[in-house]
Protein backbone atom coordinates (compact mmCIF):
# COMPACT_ATOMS: atom_id res chain seq x y z
CA UNK A 1 -75.21 17.95 -11.02
CA UNK A 2 -75.25 14.65 -9.14
CA UNK A 3 -75.18 14.68 -5.35
CA UNK A 4 -71.94 13.69 -3.62
CA UNK A 5 -73.45 13.03 -0.17
CA UNK A 6 -76.48 10.81 0.23
CA UNK A 7 -77.89 7.59 1.71
CA UNK A 8 -78.49 4.61 -0.60
CA UNK A 9 -79.79 1.04 -0.15
CA UNK A 10 -79.59 -2.24 -2.08
CA UNK A 11 -80.94 -5.71 -1.32
CA UNK A 12 -80.04 -9.29 -2.11
CA UNK A 13 -81.79 -12.64 -1.76
CA UNK A 14 -80.31 -16.07 -1.07
CA UNK A 15 -80.10 -19.16 -3.25
CA UNK A 16 -83.05 -20.53 -1.29
CA UNK A 17 -85.36 -17.61 -2.02
CA UNK A 18 -88.22 -19.02 -4.14
CA UNK A 19 -87.44 -16.82 -7.13
CA UNK A 20 -83.78 -17.84 -6.96
CA UNK A 21 -84.74 -21.51 -6.76
CA UNK A 22 -86.63 -20.94 -10.01
CA UNK A 23 -83.62 -19.15 -11.55
CA UNK A 24 -81.29 -21.98 -10.53
CA UNK A 25 -83.57 -24.58 -12.10
CA UNK A 26 -83.94 -22.61 -15.34
CA UNK A 27 -80.18 -22.17 -15.64
CA UNK A 28 -79.68 -25.87 -14.90
CA UNK A 29 -81.80 -26.51 -17.99
CA UNK A 30 -79.69 -24.07 -20.02
CA UNK A 31 -76.51 -25.85 -18.91
CA UNK A 32 -77.93 -29.26 -19.79
CA UNK A 33 -78.65 -28.18 -23.36
CA UNK A 34 -75.36 -26.32 -23.88
CA UNK A 35 -73.39 -29.28 -22.51
CA UNK A 36 -74.96 -31.47 -25.20
CA UNK A 37 -74.94 -28.88 -28.00
CA UNK A 38 -73.17 -25.48 -27.72
CA UNK A 39 -75.52 -23.95 -30.30
CA UNK A 40 -78.69 -25.06 -28.50
CA UNK A 41 -81.52 -22.62 -27.94
CA UNK A 42 -83.26 -22.40 -24.58
CA UNK A 43 -85.91 -20.11 -23.12
CA UNK A 44 -86.94 -21.87 -19.91
CA UNK A 45 -89.33 -20.49 -17.31
CA UNK A 46 -89.74 -22.22 -13.95
CA UNK A 47 -92.45 -21.93 -11.33
CA UNK A 48 -92.01 -23.44 -7.87
CA UNK A 49 -94.55 -23.66 -5.08
CA UNK A 50 -95.43 -26.07 -2.27
CA UNK A 51 -93.85 -29.38 -3.34
CA UNK A 52 -94.23 -28.62 -7.03
CA UNK A 53 -91.78 -27.72 -9.81
CA UNK A 54 -93.09 -26.68 -13.23
CA UNK A 55 -91.01 -26.02 -16.36
CA UNK A 56 -92.30 -24.25 -19.47
CA UNK A 57 -90.80 -22.58 -22.49
CA UNK A 58 -89.05 -23.29 -25.77
CA UNK A 59 -85.94 -25.31 -26.60
CA UNK A 60 -84.00 -26.54 -29.60
CA UNK A 61 -80.93 -28.73 -29.84
CA UNK A 62 -79.28 -29.81 -33.04
CA UNK A 63 -75.95 -30.18 -34.74
CA UNK A 64 -75.11 -28.53 -38.09
CA UNK A 65 -75.68 -30.96 -40.93
CA UNK A 66 -77.83 -33.34 -38.89
CA UNK A 67 -81.27 -34.30 -40.12
CA UNK A 68 -84.48 -32.96 -38.57
CA UNK A 69 -85.15 -36.41 -37.14
CA UNK A 70 -81.70 -36.55 -35.53
CA UNK A 71 -82.07 -33.07 -34.03
CA UNK A 72 -85.55 -33.87 -32.76
CA UNK A 73 -84.22 -37.00 -31.09
CA UNK A 74 -81.37 -35.05 -29.49
CA UNK A 75 -83.82 -32.57 -28.02
CA UNK A 76 -85.99 -35.40 -26.72
CA UNK A 77 -82.97 -37.12 -25.16
CA UNK A 78 -81.90 -33.96 -23.32
CA UNK A 79 -85.43 -33.34 -22.07
CA UNK A 80 -85.35 -36.84 -20.61
CA UNK A 81 -82.33 -35.99 -18.46
CA UNK A 82 -83.79 -32.87 -16.86
CA UNK A 83 -85.77 -34.20 -13.90
CA UNK A 84 -82.80 -35.74 -12.02
CA UNK A 85 -80.70 -32.63 -12.79
CA UNK A 86 -83.41 -30.33 -11.44
CA UNK A 87 -83.87 -32.42 -8.29
CA UNK A 88 -80.10 -32.41 -7.73
CA UNK A 89 -80.07 -28.61 -7.97
CA UNK A 90 -82.83 -28.30 -5.36
CA UNK A 91 -80.98 -30.75 -3.12
CA UNK A 92 -77.78 -28.73 -3.49
CA UNK A 93 -79.60 -25.60 -2.34
CA UNK A 94 -80.66 -27.53 0.76
CA UNK A 95 -84.39 -28.15 0.50
CA UNK A 96 -85.44 -31.27 2.39
CA UNK A 97 -88.44 -29.72 4.10
CA UNK A 98 -91.99 -30.97 4.43
CA UNK A 99 -93.34 -28.21 2.22
CA UNK A 100 -90.59 -28.38 -0.41
CA UNK A 101 -88.38 -31.42 -0.74
CA UNK A 102 -85.94 -32.14 -3.57
CA UNK A 103 -87.04 -35.77 -3.76
CA UNK A 104 -90.77 -35.51 -3.08
CA UNK A 105 -91.81 -32.41 -5.03
CA UNK A 106 -93.97 -33.13 -8.09
CA UNK A 107 -92.16 -32.36 -11.34
CA UNK A 108 -93.88 -31.21 -14.56
CA UNK A 109 -92.08 -30.43 -17.81
CA UNK A 110 -93.92 -28.42 -20.49
CA UNK A 111 -90.88 -27.37 -22.54
CA UNK A 112 -91.52 -27.58 -26.28
CA UNK A 113 -89.88 -26.76 -29.59
CA UNK A 114 -88.75 -23.21 -30.30
CA UNK A 115 -90.92 -21.14 -32.62
CA UNK A 116 -89.59 -21.12 -36.18
CA UNK A 117 -90.58 -17.43 -36.43
CA UNK A 118 -88.27 -16.58 -33.52
CA UNK A 119 -85.49 -18.89 -34.66
CA UNK A 120 -85.25 -17.21 -38.05
CA UNK A 121 -84.18 -13.98 -36.38
CA UNK A 122 -80.97 -15.61 -35.22
CA UNK A 123 -80.37 -18.28 -37.86
CA UNK A 124 -78.16 -17.38 -40.79
CA UNK A 125 -75.99 -19.25 -43.27
CA UNK A 126 -73.32 -16.63 -42.53
CA UNK A 127 -72.39 -16.59 -38.84
CA UNK A 128 -71.31 -12.94 -39.05
CA UNK A 129 -74.85 -11.99 -40.08
CA UNK A 130 -76.63 -13.79 -37.25
CA UNK A 131 -79.14 -11.40 -35.80
CA UNK A 132 -80.21 -10.67 -32.26
CA UNK A 133 -82.83 -13.00 -30.83
CA UNK A 134 -85.01 -10.06 -29.85
CA UNK A 135 -85.10 -6.29 -29.72
CA UNK A 136 -84.13 -4.56 -26.51
CA UNK A 137 -81.83 -2.29 -24.53
CA UNK A 138 -79.08 -3.64 -22.28
CA UNK A 139 -77.03 -1.83 -19.65
CA UNK A 140 -73.72 -2.45 -17.92
CA UNK A 141 -72.18 -0.61 -15.00
CA UNK A 142 -69.00 -0.48 -12.94
CA UNK A 143 -67.71 1.79 -10.19
CA UNK A 144 -64.71 1.89 -7.89
CA UNK A 145 -66.60 1.53 -4.59
CA UNK A 146 -65.38 -2.04 -3.99
CA UNK A 147 -62.52 -4.26 -5.23
CA UNK A 148 -65.10 -6.04 -7.42
CA UNK A 149 -65.90 -2.65 -9.05
CA UNK A 150 -69.51 -2.98 -7.93
CA UNK A 151 -71.91 -0.74 -5.97
CA UNK A 152 -70.98 -1.27 -2.33
CA UNK A 153 -74.56 -1.54 -1.07
CA UNK A 154 -75.25 -4.48 -3.37
CA UNK A 155 -71.88 -6.19 -3.01
CA UNK A 156 -72.14 -6.23 0.78
CA UNK A 157 -75.74 -7.47 0.60
CA UNK A 158 -74.60 -10.34 -1.64
CA UNK A 159 -71.63 -11.09 0.60
CA UNK A 160 -73.80 -11.36 3.71
CA UNK A 161 -76.01 -14.04 2.19
CA UNK A 162 -73.16 -15.83 0.46
CA UNK A 163 -71.37 -16.10 3.80
CA UNK A 164 -74.46 -17.34 5.63
CA UNK A 165 -75.02 -19.94 2.90
CA UNK A 166 -71.41 -21.09 3.23
CA UNK A 167 -71.69 -21.66 6.99
CA UNK A 168 -75.07 -23.37 6.52
CA UNK A 169 -73.58 -25.76 3.95
CA UNK A 170 -70.63 -26.30 6.31
CA UNK A 171 -72.97 -27.65 9.00
CA UNK A 172 -74.56 -24.75 10.88
CA UNK A 173 -77.91 -26.28 11.85
CA UNK A 174 -79.80 -23.13 12.83
CA UNK A 175 -80.06 -21.62 9.36
CA UNK A 176 -82.36 -22.69 6.53
CA UNK A 177 -82.03 -21.86 2.80
CA UNK A 178 -84.44 -18.91 2.37
CA UNK A 179 -83.01 -15.49 3.28
CA UNK A 180 -82.90 -11.82 2.31
CA UNK A 181 -80.50 -9.01 3.15
CA UNK A 182 -80.39 -5.26 2.73
CA UNK A 183 -77.63 -2.72 3.34
CA UNK A 184 -77.98 1.05 3.67
CA UNK A 185 -74.81 3.14 3.36
CA UNK A 186 -74.01 6.78 3.96
CA UNK A 187 -71.99 8.31 1.14
CA UNK A 188 -69.87 11.41 1.51
CA UNK A 189 -68.09 12.94 -1.47
CA UNK A 190 -69.33 9.95 -3.43
CA UNK A 191 -67.63 7.37 -1.19
CA UNK A 192 -69.27 4.93 1.27
CA UNK A 193 -68.27 5.96 4.79
CA UNK A 194 -70.74 4.32 7.18
CA UNK A 195 -73.27 1.50 7.38
CA UNK A 196 -76.53 3.07 8.50
CA UNK A 197 -78.83 0.01 8.45
CA UNK A 198 -78.45 -3.75 8.07
CA UNK A 199 -81.47 -5.95 7.40
CA UNK A 200 -81.31 -9.74 7.43
CA UNK A 201 -84.32 -12.04 7.37
CA UNK A 202 -83.45 -15.72 7.37
CA UNK A 203 -85.49 -18.87 7.59
CA UNK A 204 -84.43 -20.85 10.66
CA UNK A 205 -84.79 -24.21 12.32
CA UNK A 206 -87.39 -24.84 15.02
CA UNK A 207 -84.67 -25.16 17.64
CA UNK A 208 -84.07 -21.41 17.34
CA UNK A 209 -87.57 -20.79 18.69
CA UNK A 210 -91.06 -19.91 17.54
CA UNK A 211 -91.63 -16.54 19.23
CA UNK A 212 -90.22 -13.02 19.12
CA UNK A 213 -87.17 -14.13 21.09
CA UNK A 214 -86.01 -16.08 18.03
CA UNK A 215 -84.97 -12.80 16.37
CA UNK A 216 -82.50 -12.12 19.16
CA UNK A 217 -81.05 -15.62 18.90
CA UNK A 218 -80.68 -15.29 15.13
CA UNK A 219 -78.90 -11.95 15.61
CA UNK A 220 -76.46 -13.56 18.03
CA UNK A 221 -75.87 -16.39 15.57
CA UNK A 222 -75.30 -14.39 12.40
CA UNK A 223 -73.75 -11.13 13.66
CA UNK A 224 -70.11 -12.33 13.64
CA UNK A 225 -70.50 -13.58 10.07
CA UNK A 226 -72.19 -10.38 8.90
CA UNK A 227 -69.57 -8.15 10.48
CA UNK A 228 -66.88 -10.09 8.68
CA UNK A 229 -68.05 -8.98 5.22
CA UNK A 230 -67.56 -5.26 5.88
CA UNK A 231 -64.26 -3.34 5.84
CA UNK A 232 -63.05 -2.26 9.28
CA UNK A 233 -64.76 0.83 10.60
CA UNK A 234 -67.73 0.84 8.24
CA UNK A 235 -70.10 -0.70 10.80
CA UNK A 236 -70.34 1.56 13.86
CA UNK A 237 -72.18 1.67 17.18
CA UNK A 238 -74.82 3.78 15.44
CA UNK A 239 -75.53 1.09 12.82
CA UNK A 240 -79.09 -0.18 13.20
CA UNK A 241 -79.69 -3.93 12.88
CA UNK A 242 -83.03 -5.43 11.77
CA UNK A 243 -82.81 -9.22 12.02
CA UNK A 244 -85.97 -11.24 11.37
CA UNK A 245 -87.96 -8.14 12.34
CA UNK A 246 -91.34 -9.93 12.10
CA UNK A 247 -90.25 -12.67 14.53
CA UNK A 248 -90.18 -16.37 13.66
CA UNK A 249 -89.42 -17.43 10.07
CA UNK A 250 -90.05 -21.19 9.93
CA UNK A 251 -92.01 -21.49 6.68
CA UNK A 252 -89.87 -20.36 3.77
CA UNK A 253 -88.82 -21.06 0.23
CA UNK A 254 -91.42 -22.17 -2.33
CA UNK A 255 -93.68 -23.43 0.48
CA UNK A 256 -93.97 -19.91 1.87
CA UNK A 257 -94.14 -18.03 -1.42
CA UNK A 258 -94.30 -19.14 -5.06
CA UNK A 259 -91.16 -18.49 -7.08
CA UNK A 260 -90.77 -17.55 -10.75
CA UNK A 261 -87.79 -17.19 -13.06
CA UNK A 262 -86.58 -13.66 -13.70
CA UNK A 263 -88.24 -11.74 -10.85
CA UNK A 264 -85.02 -10.51 -9.22
CA UNK A 265 -83.44 -8.55 -12.06
CA UNK A 266 -82.22 -5.69 -9.86
CA UNK A 267 -80.66 -8.10 -7.38
CA UNK A 268 -79.02 -9.85 -10.34
CA UNK A 269 -77.44 -6.65 -11.69
CA UNK A 270 -76.58 -3.44 -9.79
CA UNK A 271 -78.97 -3.10 -6.88
CA UNK A 272 -80.66 -0.02 -8.32
CA UNK A 273 -77.41 1.94 -8.76
CA UNK A 274 -77.67 1.75 -12.56
CA UNK A 275 -80.43 1.53 -15.19
CA UNK A 276 -81.86 -1.83 -16.25
CA UNK A 277 -83.17 -2.69 -19.69
CA UNK A 278 -85.92 -4.92 -18.27
CA UNK A 279 -84.84 -8.34 -19.52
CA UNK A 280 -84.06 -11.17 -17.13
CA UNK A 281 -81.02 -13.44 -17.55
CA UNK A 282 -81.78 -16.87 -16.14
CA UNK A 283 -83.22 -19.57 -18.37
CA UNK A 284 -81.89 -17.99 -21.57
CA UNK A 285 -79.17 -19.30 -23.84
CA UNK A 286 -76.53 -16.75 -24.94
CA UNK A 287 -78.14 -16.01 -28.32
CA UNK A 288 -80.60 -13.97 -26.25
CA UNK A 289 -79.07 -10.49 -26.04
CA UNK A 290 -81.03 -9.83 -22.84
CA UNK A 291 -78.33 -11.97 -21.30
CA UNK A 292 -75.24 -11.89 -23.51
CA UNK A 293 -75.29 -8.18 -24.35
CA UNK A 294 -75.87 -7.26 -20.69
CA UNK A 295 -72.80 -9.35 -19.87
CA UNK A 296 -70.85 -7.51 -22.57
CA UNK A 297 -71.94 -4.12 -21.23
CA UNK A 298 -70.69 -5.07 -17.75
CA UNK A 299 -67.43 -6.39 -19.23
CA UNK A 300 -66.74 -3.17 -21.12
CA UNK A 301 -67.77 -0.88 -18.25
CA UNK A 302 -65.61 -2.83 -15.81
CA UNK A 303 -62.58 -2.57 -18.08
CA UNK A 304 -63.10 1.19 -18.43
CA UNK A 305 -63.03 1.62 -14.65
CA UNK A 306 -60.22 -0.91 -14.16
CA UNK A 307 -58.15 1.04 -16.69
CA UNK A 308 -58.51 4.18 -14.57
CA UNK A 309 -60.45 5.98 -17.30
CA UNK A 310 -63.36 6.77 -14.97
CA UNK A 311 -64.59 6.10 -11.43
CA UNK A 312 -68.05 5.20 -12.74
CA UNK A 313 -69.17 3.97 -16.13
CA UNK A 314 -72.58 3.07 -17.57
CA UNK A 315 -72.90 1.52 -21.03
CA UNK A 316 -76.07 0.97 -23.06
CA UNK A 317 -76.37 -1.12 -26.23
CA UNK A 318 -79.58 -1.64 -28.22
CA UNK A 319 -80.59 -4.30 -30.74
CA UNK A 320 -83.39 -5.22 -33.15
CA UNK A 321 -84.55 -8.79 -33.69
CA UNK A 322 -82.84 -10.36 -36.69
CA UNK A 323 -80.29 -7.51 -37.02
CA UNK A 324 -76.65 -8.27 -36.24
CA UNK A 325 -75.20 -4.80 -35.71
CA UNK A 326 -76.16 -2.85 -32.58
CA UNK A 327 -78.56 0.03 -33.23
CA UNK A 328 -76.84 2.28 -30.70
CA UNK A 329 -73.89 2.33 -28.30
CA UNK A 330 -73.84 4.82 -25.42
CA UNK A 331 -71.28 5.56 -22.70
CA UNK A 332 -71.84 7.71 -19.56
CA UNK A 333 -68.89 8.38 -17.26
CA UNK A 334 -71.00 10.32 -14.72
CA UNK A 335 -68.63 13.28 -14.66
CA UNK A 336 -65.74 11.11 -13.45
CA UNK A 337 -64.05 10.46 -16.79
CA UNK A 338 -60.43 11.01 -17.73
CA UNK A 339 -61.30 10.62 -21.43
CA UNK A 340 -64.07 11.73 -23.79
CA UNK A 341 -67.02 9.33 -23.61
CA UNK A 342 -67.57 9.81 -27.35
CA UNK A 343 -64.13 8.30 -28.00
CA UNK A 344 -65.04 5.26 -25.92
CA UNK A 345 -68.25 4.87 -27.90
CA UNK A 346 -66.10 4.42 -31.00
CA UNK A 347 -63.27 2.35 -29.50
CA UNK A 348 -65.15 -0.13 -27.30
CA UNK A 349 -67.21 -1.85 -30.03
CA UNK A 350 -64.05 -2.23 -32.12
CA UNK A 351 -62.39 -4.16 -29.29
CA UNK A 352 -65.16 -6.78 -29.41
CA UNK A 353 -65.57 -7.15 -33.17
CA UNK A 354 -68.53 -4.83 -33.47
CA UNK A 355 -70.54 -6.22 -30.54
CA UNK A 356 -72.72 -8.41 -32.76
CA UNK A 357 -74.49 -11.28 -30.98
CA UNK A 358 -72.10 -13.85 -32.49
CA UNK A 359 -69.04 -11.70 -31.65
CA UNK A 360 -70.18 -11.39 -28.03
CA UNK A 361 -70.61 -15.15 -27.64
CA UNK A 362 -67.23 -15.86 -29.19
CA UNK A 363 -65.31 -13.14 -27.35
CA UNK A 364 -66.68 -14.09 -23.93
CA UNK A 365 -66.91 -17.83 -24.62
CA UNK A 366 -70.58 -18.00 -23.69
CA UNK A 367 -71.65 -21.21 -25.46
CA UNK A 368 -70.75 -23.34 -22.44
CA UNK A 369 -72.64 -24.83 -19.47
CA UNK A 370 -71.61 -22.02 -17.09
CA UNK A 371 -74.92 -20.55 -16.02
CA UNK A 372 -76.34 -22.40 -13.00
CA UNK A 373 -73.61 -20.82 -10.86
CA UNK A 374 -74.84 -17.34 -11.80
CA UNK A 375 -78.33 -17.85 -10.40
CA UNK A 376 -77.64 -16.50 -6.88
CA UNK A 377 -75.52 -13.71 -5.35
CA UNK A 378 -75.37 -11.67 -8.53
CA UNK A 379 -74.23 -12.15 -12.10
CA UNK A 380 -71.62 -9.42 -11.62
CA UNK A 381 -68.85 -8.75 -9.12
CA UNK A 382 -67.80 -12.39 -9.27
CA UNK A 383 -64.41 -14.05 -9.85
CA UNK A 384 -63.80 -15.48 -13.35
CA UNK A 385 -63.60 -19.29 -13.34
CA UNK A 386 -60.95 -21.33 -15.12
CA UNK A 387 -63.61 -23.12 -17.18
CA UNK A 388 -64.94 -19.85 -18.59
CA UNK A 389 -67.58 -18.98 -16.01
CA UNK A 390 -67.99 -15.26 -15.32
CA UNK A 391 -65.72 -14.44 -18.27
CA UNK A 392 -67.40 -11.03 -18.42
CA UNK A 393 -65.68 -10.17 -15.14
CA UNK A 394 -62.21 -10.27 -16.71
CA UNK A 395 -60.24 -7.04 -17.09
CA UNK A 396 -58.20 -8.22 -20.06
CA UNK A 397 -59.03 -5.16 -22.18
CA UNK A 398 -57.29 -2.67 -19.91
CA UNK A 399 -54.04 -2.35 -21.86
CA UNK A 400 -55.80 -2.39 -25.24
CA UNK A 401 -58.09 0.40 -24.07
CA UNK A 402 -55.23 2.55 -22.85
CA UNK A 403 -53.34 1.99 -26.09
CA UNK A 404 -56.38 2.82 -28.26
CA UNK A 405 -56.91 6.14 -26.49
């Protein structure tokens, strides 16, 4: 039996964290290819360090019916556009520092053609038979702890950093791009009732100070913004604050620590409140089920909770490379269900045309340049955009689910 009273913690990292800089760059590459060719293939890894940006991985762009020469030229043309797009992304994050500057950092691009052996797993003359790009297990989760149907510890951690980034972009001069947050909540009867601990470490400008007193000044600066992300009464006089606990934080971002694509998979998903299949999202086009099937799992789990069928829902789907149909489909309602989980295991795939890789992309509209925006503050718990971004956060299956059951 699961515990109903406990203490739990999740963390988040800002858009300026070195790993998130790498994620943003990799997803900028994905968007560039999908904007030119919706069926493009991308597997882009990025490494960032002191004034250096390095891309590596595999790509393919091409239109049906075009010659090999034409498709090769298209890929070459897109690759030629990447450097200014990558620099613009780094500038948008806010890096104009001596150790990492959007304009001065050295840029190296080692992207090359996708392996034909990998491509054949997805390619098919019949779109319905297109297989998964790799084997793997993917998870999705939703719960009723927040309006976003996300774990509260993670949602509040995201919201803290998203708010601090917003005020920094609006002109607050004391804050710099690199930051981390962490929220510890007390749960009673399965509901969050009190914030026990708040941790925020943020890179700051020299004017804040270069000694231990800078932590106090940062606390005074950010506390009103942090308090604003919590519901009334959740933060109490007993809540412990840890703000820049090591003291000054002047050297940050890729200058302070190298960043790599895909190293913040728990931050990207559910903050440790749910299982993770192990695959990262950023830098991958939607034929990669690491990304698209994880989005589908979240979409289905969220609709289950939004429909009032359970307070918590975890979904797992598994795939084999080159095989279109899922190998397994599992639903866990954590003892909170109003329906039989076995019924959901039958109904849910039917609502998304069998949950094949092609069906996922078509149902959620994933073959679009919508991914750079996902790189920070979580891929889930976001608001769907009019252009199709965060389509997996829609709750448009609620009535169909209720009717099917």
